[in-house]
Amino acid sequence: ALSVDEAREILEGSPGIALIDERRDGGYATPVECVGEDGVFVSRLRADPTVKHGLNLWVVSDNLRKGAALN
């Protein structure tokens, strides 16, 4: 099992990942903020009540940079 707090700590310390997870309107990353960026943005980190030990999170990046240009 991995708690939300443990996942948050791991993601915050991972190179190339930006955790933007403020529980307020606009406190999450969208594709608009990722254009031209090399990193991967993670938001809305939550426990998944439908799966034992599950986590839900929103992941977004500039796919032209991360998926094509940087590989």
C-alpha atoms as a PDB file:
ATOM      1  CA  ALA A   1       0.000   0.000   0.000  1.00  0.00           C
ATOM      2  CA  LEU A   2       1.109   3.549  -0.771  1.00  0.00           C
ATOM      3  CA  SER A   3      -0.621   6.438   0.942  1.00  0.00           C
ATOM      4  CA  VAL A   4      -1.425   9.719  -0.775  1.00  0.00           C
ATOM      5  CA  ASP A   5       1.119  11.460   1.455  1.00  0.00           C
ATOM      6  CA  GLU A   6       3.848   8.943   0.529  1.00  0.00           C
ATOM      7  CA  ALA A   7       3.030   9.307  -3.170  1.00  0.00           C
ATOM      8  CA  ARG A   8       3.113  13.095  -2.823  1.00  0.00           C
ATOM      9  CA  GLU A   9       6.559  12.925  -1.191  1.00  0.00           C
ATOM     10  CA  ILE A  10       7.920  10.652  -3.932  1.00  0.00           C
ATOM     11  CA  LEU A  11       6.518  12.831  -6.724  1.00  0.00           C
ATOM     12  CA  GLU A  12       7.829  16.050  -5.158  1.00  0.00           C
ATOM     13  CA  GLY A  13      11.336  14.566  -5.074  1.00  0.00           C
ATOM     14  CA  SER A  14      11.300  13.161  -8.593  1.00  0.00           C
ATOM     15  CA  PRO A  15      13.280  15.014 -11.276  1.00  0.00           C
ATOM     16  CA  GLY A  16      11.238  16.136 -14.256  1.00  0.00           C
ATOM     17  CA  ILE A  17       7.929  16.069 -12.355  1.00  0.00           C
ATOM     18  CA  ALA A  18       6.088  19.134 -11.121  1.00  0.00           C
ATOM     19  CA  LEU A  19       3.392  18.410  -8.559  1.00  0.00           C
ATOM     20  CA  ILE A  20       0.722  21.105  -8.694  1.00  0.00           C
ATOM     21  CA  ASP A  21      -2.033  19.962  -6.373  1.00  0.00           C
ATOM     22  CA  GLU A  22      -3.781  22.784  -4.575  1.00  0.00           C
ATOM     23  CA  ARG A  23      -7.315  21.957  -3.522  1.00  0.00           C
ATOM     24  CA  ARG A  24      -8.925  25.088  -4.916  1.00  0.00           C
ATOM     25  CA  ASP A  25     -10.305  26.240  -8.252  1.00  0.00           C
ATOM     26  CA  GLY A  26      -7.409  26.489 -10.701  1.00  0.00           C
ATOM     27  CA  GLY A  27      -5.000  24.661  -8.377  1.00  0.00           C
ATOM     28  CA  TYR A  28      -4.109  22.017 -10.946  1.00  0.00           C
ATOM     29  CA  ALA A  29      -2.148  21.782 -14.191  1.00  0.00           C
ATOM     30  CA  THR A  30      -3.840  21.855 -17.578  1.00  0.00           C
ATOM     31  CA  PRO A  31      -2.420  21.255 -21.064  1.00  0.00           C
ATOM     32  CA  VAL A  32      -2.270  25.031 -21.618  1.00  0.00           C
ATOM     33  CA  GLU A  33       0.360  25.477 -18.872  1.00  0.00           C
ATOM     34  CA  CYS A  34       2.468  22.635 -20.285  1.00  0.00           C
ATOM     35  CA  VAL A  35       3.044  23.958 -23.798  1.00  0.00           C
ATOM     36  CA  GLY A  36       6.768  24.322 -24.409  1.00  0.00           C
ATOM     37  CA  GLU A  37       7.737  22.718 -21.081  1.00  0.00           C
ATOM     38  CA  ASP A  38       9.932  19.630 -20.767  1.00  0.00           C
ATOM     39  CA  GLY A  39       8.487  18.386 -17.490  1.00  0.00           C
ATOM     40  CA  VAL A  40       5.522  16.232 -16.595  1.00  0.00           C
ATOM     41  CA  PHE A  41       2.862  17.893 -14.471  1.00  0.00           C
ATOM     42  CA  VAL A  42       0.903  15.902 -11.893  1.00  0.00           C
ATOM     43  CA  SER A  43      -2.258  17.190 -10.235  1.00  0.00           C
ATOM     44  CA  ARG A  44      -5.343  16.038  -8.357  1.00  0.00           C
ATOM     45  CA  LEU A  45      -3.607  13.289  -6.395  1.00  0.00           C
ATOM     46  CA  ARG A  46      -6.303  11.352  -4.512  1.00  0.00           C
ATOM     47  CA  ALA A  47      -7.013   7.943  -3.016  1.00  0.00           C
ATOM     48  CA  ASP A  48      -9.131   5.787  -5.325  1.00  0.00           C
ATOM     49  CA  PRO A  49     -12.052   4.431  -3.308  1.00  0.00           C
ATOM     50  CA  THR A  50     -12.888   1.840  -5.991  1.00  0.00           C
ATOM     51  CA  VAL A  51      -9.564  -0.039  -5.923  1.00  0.00           C
ATOM     52  CA  LYS A  52      -7.738  -1.436  -2.908  1.00  0.00           C
ATOM     53  CA  HIS A  53      -4.498   0.554  -2.520  1.00  0.00           C
ATOM     54  CA  GLY A  54      -5.401   2.629  -5.596  1.00  0.00           C
ATOM     55  CA  LEU A  55      -4.462   6.226  -6.359  1.00  0.00           C
ATOM     56  CA  ASN A  56      -5.916   8.630  -8.891  1.00  0.00           C
ATOM     57  CA  LEU A  57      -3.924  11.456 -10.401  1.00  0.00           C
ATOM     58  CA  TRP A  58      -4.043  13.802 -13.364  1.00  0.00           C
ATOM     59  CA  VAL A  59      -0.920  13.738 -15.546  1.00  0.00           C
ATOM     60  CA  VAL A  60      -0.292  16.183 -18.365  1.00  0.00           C
ATOM     61  CA  SER A  61       2.693  17.190 -20.496  1.00  0.00           C
ATOM     62  CA  ASP A  62       3.597  18.736 -23.821  1.00  0.00           C
ATOM     63  CA  ASN A  63       3.540  15.517 -25.838  1.00  0.00           C
ATOM     64  CA  LEU A  64       5.513  17.001 -28.709  1.00  0.00           C
ATOM     65  CA  ARG A  65       8.392  17.735 -26.355  1.00  0.00           C
ATOM     66  CA  LYS A  66       8.179  14.881 -23.886  1.00  0.00           C
ATOM     67  CA  GLY A  67       6.939  12.250 -26.291  1.00  0.00           C
ATOM     68  CA  ALA A  68       8.884  13.148 -29.413  1.00  0.00           C
ATOM     69  CA  ALA A  69      11.606  15.780 -29.117  1.00  0.00           C
ATOM     70  CA  LEU A  70      13.273  14.600 -25.910  1.00  0.00           C
ATOM     71  CA  ASN A  71      13.360  10.860 -26.618  1.00  0.00           C
END
